[in-house]
Amino acid sequence: MPLTKNEDCGKNADGSINYDYCQYCFKDGHFTQEMTMDQMIKHCAQFVDELNKNSEQKITREEFIQRMYGFFPMLKRWRK
């Protein structure tokens, strides 16, 4: 999820904005769900239809998953 507005960002335990994670992944200084990268990609893939509603460029679930496998390893949570 692009973090284009502060309200999209997660929150640290002290209520400050955490620019590394979105509000759905990080709240009150903790991850909202404990899951592996594979599990998170599978979870996010269920929202492809919603993503396509607001996009001129439609993608398939398989294309989405492929893109996420390119993107997720760069996220701080799963970076090696």
N, C-alpha and C. Protein backbone atom coordinates (compact mmCIF):
# COMPACT_ATOMS: atom_id res chain seq x y z
N MET A 1 0.85 -1.18 0.00
CA MET A 1 0.00 0.00 0.00
C MET A 1 0.88 1.23 0.00
N PRO A 2 0.68 2.14 -0.94
CA PRO A 2 1.47 3.37 -0.94
C PRO A 2 1.11 4.23 0.27
N LEU A 3 2.12 4.74 0.93
CA LEU A 3 1.89 5.58 2.11
C LEU A 3 1.98 7.04 1.69
N THR A 4 0.93 7.52 1.04
CA THR A 4 0.93 8.86 0.48
C THR A 4 0.42 9.91 1.46
N LYS A 5 -0.32 9.50 2.47
CA LYS A 5 -0.85 10.42 3.48
C LYS A 5 -0.52 9.88 4.86
N ASN A 6 -0.37 10.77 5.81
CA ASN A 6 -0.06 10.33 7.18
C ASN A 6 -1.09 9.37 7.73
N GLU A 7 -2.36 9.55 7.35
CA GLU A 7 -3.39 8.65 7.89
C GLU A 7 -3.28 7.23 7.33
N ASP A 8 -2.50 7.05 6.25
CA ASP A 8 -2.24 5.72 5.71
C ASP A 8 -1.19 4.98 6.53
N CYS A 9 -0.37 5.71 7.26
CA CYS A 9 0.78 5.14 7.98
C CYS A 9 0.37 4.48 9.29
N GLY A 10 1.20 3.53 9.72
CA GLY A 10 1.01 2.90 11.01
C GLY A 10 1.38 3.84 12.13
N LYS A 11 1.10 3.41 13.35
CA LYS A 11 1.39 4.23 14.53
C LYS A 11 2.27 3.47 15.51
N ASN A 12 3.23 4.18 16.07
CA ASN A 12 4.10 3.62 17.10
C ASN A 12 3.35 3.59 18.43
N ALA A 13 3.95 2.96 19.44
CA ALA A 13 3.31 2.83 20.75
C ALA A 13 3.00 4.18 21.37
N ASP A 14 3.82 5.19 21.08
CA ASP A 14 3.58 6.52 21.64
C ASP A 14 2.62 7.36 20.80
N GLY A 15 2.05 6.76 19.74
CA GLY A 15 1.10 7.46 18.89
C GLY A 15 1.72 8.19 17.72
N SER A 16 3.04 8.22 17.67
CA SER A 16 3.71 8.89 16.55
C SER A 16 3.56 8.05 15.28
N ILE A 17 3.75 8.71 14.15
CA ILE A 17 3.58 8.05 12.85
C ILE A 17 4.78 7.17 12.54
N ASN A 18 4.49 5.98 12.05
CA ASN A 18 5.54 5.07 11.60
C ASN A 18 5.45 4.99 10.08
N TYR A 19 6.43 5.57 9.41
CA TYR A 19 6.42 5.65 7.95
C TYR A 19 6.85 4.35 7.27
N ASP A 20 7.27 3.37 8.04
CA ASP A 20 7.72 2.10 7.46
C ASP A 20 6.56 1.16 7.14
N TYR A 21 5.43 1.32 7.84
CA TYR A 21 4.34 0.37 7.73
C TYR A 21 2.99 1.08 7.60
N CYS A 22 2.05 0.43 6.94
CA CYS A 22 0.72 1.02 6.78
C CYS A 22 -0.12 0.77 8.04
N GLN A 23 -1.23 1.48 8.11
CA GLN A 23 -2.14 1.39 9.27
C GLN A 23 -2.75 0.00 9.43
N TYR A 24 -2.81 -0.76 8.35
CA TYR A 24 -3.40 -2.09 8.43
C TYR A 24 -2.40 -3.12 8.96
N CYS A 25 -1.10 -2.82 8.83
CA CYS A 25 -0.05 -3.75 9.25
C CYS A 25 0.51 -3.43 10.64
N PHE A 26 0.46 -2.16 11.03
CA PHE A 26 1.17 -1.73 12.23
C PHE A 26 0.31 -0.75 13.02
N LYS A 27 0.05 -1.09 14.28
CA LYS A 27 -0.79 -0.26 15.14
C LYS A 27 -0.28 -0.35 16.57
N ASP A 28 -0.20 0.78 17.24
CA ASP A 28 0.22 0.84 18.65
C ASP A 28 1.58 0.20 18.88
N GLY A 29 2.46 0.31 17.88
CA GLY A 29 3.83 -0.20 18.03
C GLY A 29 4.00 -1.67 17.76
N HIS A 30 2.96 -2.33 17.25
CA HIS A 30 3.02 -3.78 17.00
C HIS A 30 2.40 -4.10 15.64
N PHE A 31 2.85 -5.19 15.06
CA PHE A 31 2.19 -5.68 13.85
C PHE A 31 0.80 -6.16 14.22
N THR A 32 -0.16 -5.88 13.35
CA THR A 32 -1.54 -6.27 13.64
C THR A 32 -1.75 -7.76 13.45
N GLN A 33 -0.92 -8.37 12.60
CA GLN A 33 -1.01 -9.81 12.37
C GLN A 33 0.38 -10.39 12.23
N GLU A 34 0.61 -11.51 12.85
CA GLU A 34 1.87 -12.20 12.69
C GLU A 34 1.72 -13.20 11.56
N MET A 35 2.42 -12.95 10.48
CA MET A 35 2.38 -13.87 9.35
C MET A 35 3.68 -13.77 8.58
N THR A 36 3.95 -14.82 7.84
CA THR A 36 5.14 -14.83 7.00
C THR A 36 4.89 -13.95 5.78
N MET A 37 5.95 -13.69 5.03
CA MET A 37 5.81 -12.91 3.81
C MET A 37 4.87 -13.62 2.84
N ASP A 38 5.01 -14.93 2.69
CA ASP A 38 4.13 -15.69 1.80
C ASP A 38 2.67 -15.57 2.23
N GLN A 39 2.42 -15.67 3.52
CA GLN A 39 1.05 -15.55 4.02
C GLN A 39 0.50 -14.14 3.77
N MET A 40 1.34 -13.12 3.94
CA MET A 40 0.89 -11.74 3.73
C MET A 40 0.57 -11.50 2.25
N ILE A 41 1.39 -12.03 1.36
CA ILE A 41 1.13 -11.87 -0.07
C ILE A 41 -0.19 -12.55 -0.43
N LYS A 42 -0.41 -13.73 0.08
CA LYS A 42 -1.66 -14.44 -0.20
C LYS A 42 -2.85 -13.65 0.36
N HIS A 43 -2.68 -13.11 1.56
CA HIS A 43 -3.74 -12.30 2.18
C HIS A 43 -4.04 -11.06 1.32
N CYS A 44 -3.01 -10.36 0.90
CA CYS A 44 -3.20 -9.13 0.11
C CYS A 44 -3.79 -9.41 -1.27
N ALA A 45 -3.49 -10.58 -1.82
CA ALA A 45 -3.96 -10.93 -3.16
C ALA A 45 -5.49 -11.01 -3.23
N GLN A 46 -6.13 -11.20 -2.10
CA GLN A 46 -7.59 -11.28 -2.11
C GLN A 46 -8.24 -9.92 -2.40
N PHE A 47 -7.45 -8.85 -2.38
CA PHE A 47 -7.98 -7.51 -2.61
C PHE A 47 -7.71 -6.98 -4.02
N VAL A 48 -7.28 -7.84 -4.93
CA VAL A 48 -6.97 -7.42 -6.30
C VAL A 48 -8.19 -6.81 -6.98
N ASP A 49 -9.35 -7.40 -6.80
CA ASP A 49 -10.55 -6.85 -7.44
C ASP A 49 -10.83 -5.43 -6.96
N GLU A 50 -10.64 -5.19 -5.68
CA GLU A 50 -10.83 -3.85 -5.12
C GLU A 50 -9.80 -2.87 -5.70
N LEU A 51 -8.58 -3.31 -5.81
CA LEU A 51 -7.52 -2.50 -6.41
C LEU A 51 -7.86 -2.16 -7.86
N ASN A 52 -8.35 -3.13 -8.59
CA ASN A 52 -8.69 -2.91 -10.00
C ASN A 52 -9.84 -1.94 -10.20
N LYS A 53 -10.74 -1.82 -9.24
CA LYS A 53 -11.88 -0.90 -9.35
C LYS A 53 -11.42 0.53 -9.57
N ASN A 54 -10.34 0.92 -8.92
CA ASN A 54 -9.87 2.30 -8.97
C ASN A 54 -8.64 2.49 -9.86
N SER A 55 -8.37 1.53 -10.70
CA SER A 55 -7.18 1.59 -11.53
C SER A 55 -7.55 1.49 -13.01
N GLU A 56 -6.89 2.29 -13.80
CA GLU A 56 -7.09 2.20 -15.25
C GLU A 56 -6.40 0.97 -15.81
N GLN A 57 -5.34 0.54 -15.15
CA GLN A 57 -4.56 -0.61 -15.61
C GLN A 57 -4.88 -1.82 -14.73
N LYS A 58 -5.72 -2.70 -15.23
CA LYS A 58 -6.14 -3.88 -14.46
C LYS A 58 -5.04 -4.94 -14.46
N ILE A 59 -4.93 -5.66 -13.34
CA ILE A 59 -3.97 -6.77 -13.27
C ILE A 59 -4.68 -8.01 -12.77
N THR A 60 -4.13 -9.14 -13.10
CA THR A 60 -4.69 -10.40 -12.62
C THR A 60 -4.13 -10.70 -11.24
N ARG A 61 -4.74 -11.63 -10.57
CA ARG A 61 -4.26 -12.05 -9.25
C ARG A 61 -2.83 -12.58 -9.35
N GLU A 62 -2.56 -13.34 -10.41
CA GLU A 62 -1.22 -13.90 -10.61
C GLU A 62 -0.18 -12.80 -10.84
N GLU A 63 -0.54 -11.77 -11.62
CA GLU A 63 0.38 -10.65 -11.84
C GLU A 63 0.64 -9.90 -10.53
N PHE A 64 -0.41 -9.73 -9.74
CA PHE A 64 -0.27 -9.07 -8.45
C PHE A 64 0.69 -9.83 -7.56
N ILE A 65 0.49 -11.14 -7.47
CA ILE A 65 1.35 -11.97 -6.62
C ILE A 65 2.80 -11.88 -7.09
N GLN A 66 3.02 -11.94 -8.38
CA GLN A 66 4.37 -11.85 -8.92
C GLN A 66 5.01 -10.51 -8.55
N ARG A 67 4.26 -9.43 -8.67
CA ARG A 67 4.79 -8.11 -8.31
C ARG A 67 5.11 -8.04 -6.82
N MET A 68 4.26 -8.62 -5.99
CA MET A 68 4.49 -8.58 -4.55
C MET A 68 5.73 -9.37 -4.16
N TYR A 69 6.00 -10.46 -4.87
CA TYR A 69 7.23 -11.21 -4.59
C TYR A 69 8.47 -10.41 -4.99
N GLY A 70 8.31 -9.44 -5.86
CA GLY A 70 9.40 -8.54 -6.20
C GLY A 70 9.53 -7.39 -5.22
N PHE A 71 8.40 -6.99 -4.62
CA PHE A 71 8.37 -5.82 -3.75
C PHE A 71 8.53 -6.15 -2.27
N PHE A 72 7.83 -7.15 -1.78
CA PHE A 72 7.82 -7.45 -0.34
C PHE A 72 9.20 -7.71 0.25
N PRO A 73 10.12 -8.38 -0.45
CA PRO A 73 11.44 -8.60 0.16
C PRO A 73 12.22 -7.31 0.42
N MET A 74 11.79 -6.20 -0.16
CA MET A 74 12.45 -4.91 0.09
C MET A 74 11.88 -4.20 1.32
N LEU A 75 10.72 -4.66 1.80
CA LEU A 75 10.12 -4.04 2.98
C LEU A 75 10.94 -4.36 4.22
N LYS A 76 11.03 -3.39 5.10
CA LYS A 76 11.84 -3.53 6.32
C LYS A 76 11.48 -4.80 7.10
N ARG A 77 10.22 -5.15 7.13
CA ARG A 77 9.76 -6.31 7.90
C ARG A 77 10.37 -7.61 7.40
N TRP A 78 10.57 -7.74 6.09
CA TRP A 78 11.06 -9.00 5.53
C TRP A 78 12.42 -8.86 4.84
N ARG A 79 13.04 -7.72 4.97
CA ARG A 79 14.35 -7.52 4.35
C ARG A 79 15.37 -8.42 5.01
N LYS A 80 16.23 -9.00 4.18
CA LYS A 80 17.26 -9.90 4.73
C LYS A 80 18.62 -9.26 4.65
